[in-house]
């Protein structure tokens, strides 16, 4: 499991690097997004991945890897937005945004460690396409919870769904970056 922790941290570091570069270019413009808008952004990224997996051809010169990176980054943004709320004007300096990003990424890592312990790294035997489907399912659940105004009977809540999406996307990136196919893909 130490290998997984190291790979997780390396993937998050690469996602953070892109996040930091975009902060440089755009600032924290995402602060104006309401959580439901972030959910929709995550949805279109996941739908594009599934479309590319199904069709096997991209009309835009980007593969699925950048979309999984976007899911990690938008998932972390979603957690920040849940904690801070949307604003009318950008109210956050880049260093504060990065600190909040790091704090949420650390929470995702801790959750992954706990679940990975309990599930004995079952994710390593899964296909990347399964992560896509699970992310889409989590998005449908999140949209339903949002439509219910957060009033659920048994759900863990929107934040738990975002955390799972982040972790599934990181698992996909580990598979893509380190070339570890699922047992049935080997």
Protein backbone atom coordinates (compact mmCIF):
# COMPACT_ATOMS: atom_id res chain seq x y z
CA UNK A 1 0.00 0.00 0.00
CA UNK A 2 3.01 2.28 0.36
CA UNK A 3 3.38 2.14 -3.43
CA UNK A 4 -0.21 3.33 -3.81
CA UNK A 5 0.32 6.20 -1.35
CA UNK A 6 3.43 7.32 -3.25
CA UNK A 7 1.71 7.07 -6.65
CA UNK A 8 -1.34 8.92 -5.31
CA UNK A 9 0.86 11.75 -4.04
CA UNK A 10 2.74 11.92 -7.36
CA UNK A 11 -0.50 12.10 -9.36
CA UNK A 12 -1.90 14.80 -7.07
CA UNK A 13 1.36 16.75 -7.43
CA UNK A 14 0.99 16.72 -11.24
CA UNK A 15 -2.67 17.78 -10.96
CA UNK A 16 -1.66 20.56 -8.54
CA UNK A 17 1.00 21.79 -10.96
CA UNK A 18 -1.65 22.33 -13.64
CA UNK A 19 -4.01 23.89 -11.07
CA UNK A 20 -1.25 26.33 -10.04
CA UNK A 21 -0.51 27.28 -13.65
CA UNK A 22 -4.20 27.93 -14.28
CA UNK A 23 -4.36 30.01 -11.10
CA UNK A 24 -1.53 32.09 -12.53
CA UNK A 25 -3.42 32.62 -15.78
CA UNK A 26 -6.98 33.02 -14.48
CA UNK A 27 -6.77 33.59 -10.75
CA UNK A 28 -9.42 31.88 -8.65
CA UNK A 29 -12.19 32.71 -11.17
CA UNK A 30 -13.86 29.42 -10.17
CA UNK A 31 -14.87 31.07 -6.87
CA UNK A 32 -18.00 32.39 -8.60
CA UNK A 33 -19.22 28.85 -9.38
CA UNK A 34 -22.03 27.49 -7.29
CA UNK A 35 -21.52 23.84 -6.26
CA UNK A 36 -24.15 22.66 -8.76
CA UNK A 37 -22.20 24.35 -11.56
CA UNK A 38 -19.03 22.55 -10.48
CA UNK A 39 -21.01 19.30 -10.49
CA UNK A 40 -22.09 20.02 -14.07
CA UNK A 41 -18.49 20.76 -15.07
CA UNK A 42 -17.44 17.42 -13.59
CA UNK A 43 -20.32 15.78 -15.44
CA UNK A 44 -19.20 17.03 -18.87
CA UNK A 45 -15.62 15.89 -18.19
CA UNK A 46 -16.80 12.39 -17.22
CA UNK A 47 -19.20 12.22 -20.20
CA UNK A 48 -16.34 13.13 -22.54
CA UNK A 49 -14.18 10.36 -21.07
CA UNK A 50 -16.97 7.83 -21.55
CA UNK A 51 -17.56 9.06 -25.09
CA UNK A 52 -13.86 8.67 -25.94
CA UNK A 53 -13.75 5.22 -24.33
CA UNK A 54 -16.79 4.16 -26.35
CA UNK A 55 -15.92 5.73 -29.69
CA UNK A 56 -12.16 5.23 -29.49
CA UNK A 57 -11.61 8.44 -31.48
CA UNK A 58 -11.30 12.06 -30.39
CA UNK A 59 -12.19 14.98 -32.64
CA UNK A 60 -10.40 17.36 -30.26
CA UNK A 61 -6.70 16.60 -29.81
CA UNK A 62 -6.90 15.66 -26.12
CA UNK A 63 -7.21 12.21 -24.66
CA UNK A 64 -8.84 10.97 -21.50
CA UNK A 65 -5.89 11.71 -19.22
CA UNK A 66 -6.44 15.51 -19.19
CA UNK A 67 -10.11 14.91 -18.40
CA UNK A 68 -9.26 12.76 -15.37
CA UNK A 69 -6.87 15.51 -14.23
CA UNK A 70 -9.75 17.98 -14.62
CA UNK A 71 -11.98 15.72 -12.51
CA UNK A 72 -9.37 15.71 -9.74
CA UNK A 73 -8.98 19.49 -9.89
CA UNK A 74 -12.68 20.32 -10.21
CA UNK A 75 -13.45 17.80 -7.46
CA UNK A 76 -11.08 19.65 -5.14
CA UNK A 77 -12.59 22.97 -6.23
CA UNK A 78 -16.04 21.54 -5.45
CA UNK A 79 -14.96 20.68 -1.91
CA UNK A 80 -13.55 24.18 -1.45
CA UNK A 81 -16.77 25.70 -2.77
CA UNK A 82 -18.87 23.55 -0.43
CA UNK A 83 -16.79 24.77 2.51
CA UNK A 84 -16.55 28.42 1.45
CA UNK A 85 -19.64 29.01 -0.69
CA UNK A 86 -19.78 30.75 -4.05
CA UNK A 87 -19.11 34.49 -4.30
CA UNK A 88 -20.07 37.24 -6.71
CA UNK A 89 -16.50 38.49 -7.17
CA UNK A 90 -13.22 36.60 -6.92
CA UNK A 91 -12.14 36.93 -3.30
CA UNK A 92 -9.13 34.66 -3.01
CA UNK A 93 -5.44 35.08 -3.67
CA UNK A 94 -3.60 32.29 -5.44
CA UNK A 95 -1.61 31.27 -2.35
CA UNK A 96 -4.82 30.86 -0.33
CA UNK A 97 -6.40 28.83 -3.15
CA UNK A 98 -3.36 26.53 -3.24
CA UNK A 99 -3.45 26.10 0.54
CA UNK A 100 -7.13 25.12 0.37
CA UNK A 101 -6.39 22.80 -2.56
CA UNK A 102 -3.64 21.12 -0.53
CA UNK A 103 -5.90 20.71 2.50
CA UNK A 104 -8.65 19.04 0.46
CA UNK A 105 -6.12 16.85 -1.38
CA UNK A 106 -4.77 15.71 2.00
CA UNK A 107 -8.32 14.77 3.06
CA UNK A 108 -8.74 12.77 -0.16
CA UNK A 109 -5.45 10.98 0.47
CA UNK A 110 -6.49 10.06 4.03
CA UNK A 111 -9.83 8.71 2.78
CA UNK A 112 -8.07 6.70 0.08
CA UNK A 113 -5.68 5.21 2.65
CA UNK A 114 -8.56 4.14 4.90
CA UNK A 115 -10.61 2.64 2.08
CA UNK A 116 -7.56 1.06 0.45
CA UNK A 117 -6.79 -0.66 3.74
CA UNK A 118 -10.31 -2.05 3.99
CA UNK A 119 -10.60 -3.06 0.33
CA UNK A 120 -7.05 -4.46 -0.05
CA UNK A 121 -6.29 -2.45 -3.19
CA UNK A 122 -9.18 -3.98 -5.15
CA UNK A 123 -9.05 -0.90 -7.39
CA UNK A 124 -5.86 -2.23 -9.01
CA UNK A 125 -7.90 -5.07 -10.56
CA UNK A 126 -10.47 -2.71 -12.04
CA UNK A 127 -10.62 -1.28 -15.54
CA UNK A 128 -10.21 2.45 -16.17
CA UNK A 129 -13.64 2.41 -17.83
CA UNK A 130 -15.13 1.22 -14.52
CA UNK A 131 -13.75 4.32 -12.80
CA UNK A 132 -15.49 6.40 -15.47
CA UNK A 133 -18.79 4.65 -14.83
CA UNK A 134 -18.42 5.00 -11.06
CA UNK A 135 -17.67 8.72 -11.42
CA UNK A 136 -20.76 9.14 -13.61
CA UNK A 137 -22.86 7.27 -11.05
CA UNK A 138 -21.51 9.50 -8.27
CA UNK A 139 -22.36 12.54 -10.39
CA UNK A 140 -25.94 11.36 -10.86
CA UNK A 141 -26.18 10.82 -7.10
CA UNK A 142 -24.72 14.26 -6.45
CA UNK A 143 -27.17 15.92 -8.82
CA UNK A 144 -30.04 14.13 -7.08
CA UNK A 145 -28.83 15.27 -3.66
CA UNK A 146 -28.48 18.83 -4.99
CA UNK A 147 -32.00 18.65 -6.42
CA UNK A 148 -33.23 17.54 -2.98
CA UNK A 149 -31.58 20.60 -1.45
CA UNK A 150 -29.23 18.33 0.49
CA UNK A 151 -32.10 16.69 2.41
CA UNK A 152 -31.33 12.98 2.22
CA UNK A 153 -32.37 9.94 4.22
CA UNK A 154 -29.27 7.72 4.04
CA UNK A 155 -26.70 9.41 1.80
CA UNK A 156 -23.24 10.38 3.01
CA UNK A 157 -23.74 13.70 1.25
CA UNK A 158 -22.34 15.63 -1.66
CA UNK A 159 -18.86 16.02 -0.17
CA UNK A 160 -18.43 12.23 0.15
CA UNK A 161 -19.39 11.82 -3.51
CA UNK A 162 -16.85 14.46 -4.57
CA UNK A 163 -14.16 12.70 -2.53
CA UNK A 164 -14.93 9.38 -4.19
CA UNK A 165 -14.83 11.00 -7.65
CA UNK A 166 -11.41 12.48 -6.88
CA UNK A 167 -10.09 9.13 -5.71
CA UNK A 168 -11.49 7.23 -8.70
CA UNK A 169 -9.90 9.77 -11.04
CA UNK A 170 -6.56 9.43 -9.23
CA UNK A 171 -6.78 5.63 -9.56
CA UNK A 172 -7.41 6.03 -13.30
CA UNK A 173 -4.43 8.36 -13.60
CA UNK A 174 -2.21 5.90 -11.71
CA UNK A 175 -3.24 3.19 -14.17
CA UNK A 176 -2.68 5.48 -17.16
CA UNK A 177 0.59 7.02 -15.91
CA UNK A 178 2.21 3.89 -14.53
CA UNK A 179 0.90 1.43 -17.11
CA UNK A 180 -0.78 -0.95 -14.71
CA UNK A 181 -3.64 -2.67 -16.55
CA UNK A 182 -6.46 -4.43 -14.76
CA UNK A 183 -6.02 -8.19 -14.52
CA UNK A 184 -8.57 -8.69 -17.27
CA UNK A 185 -6.80 -6.15 -19.51
CA UNK A 186 -3.34 -7.74 -19.11
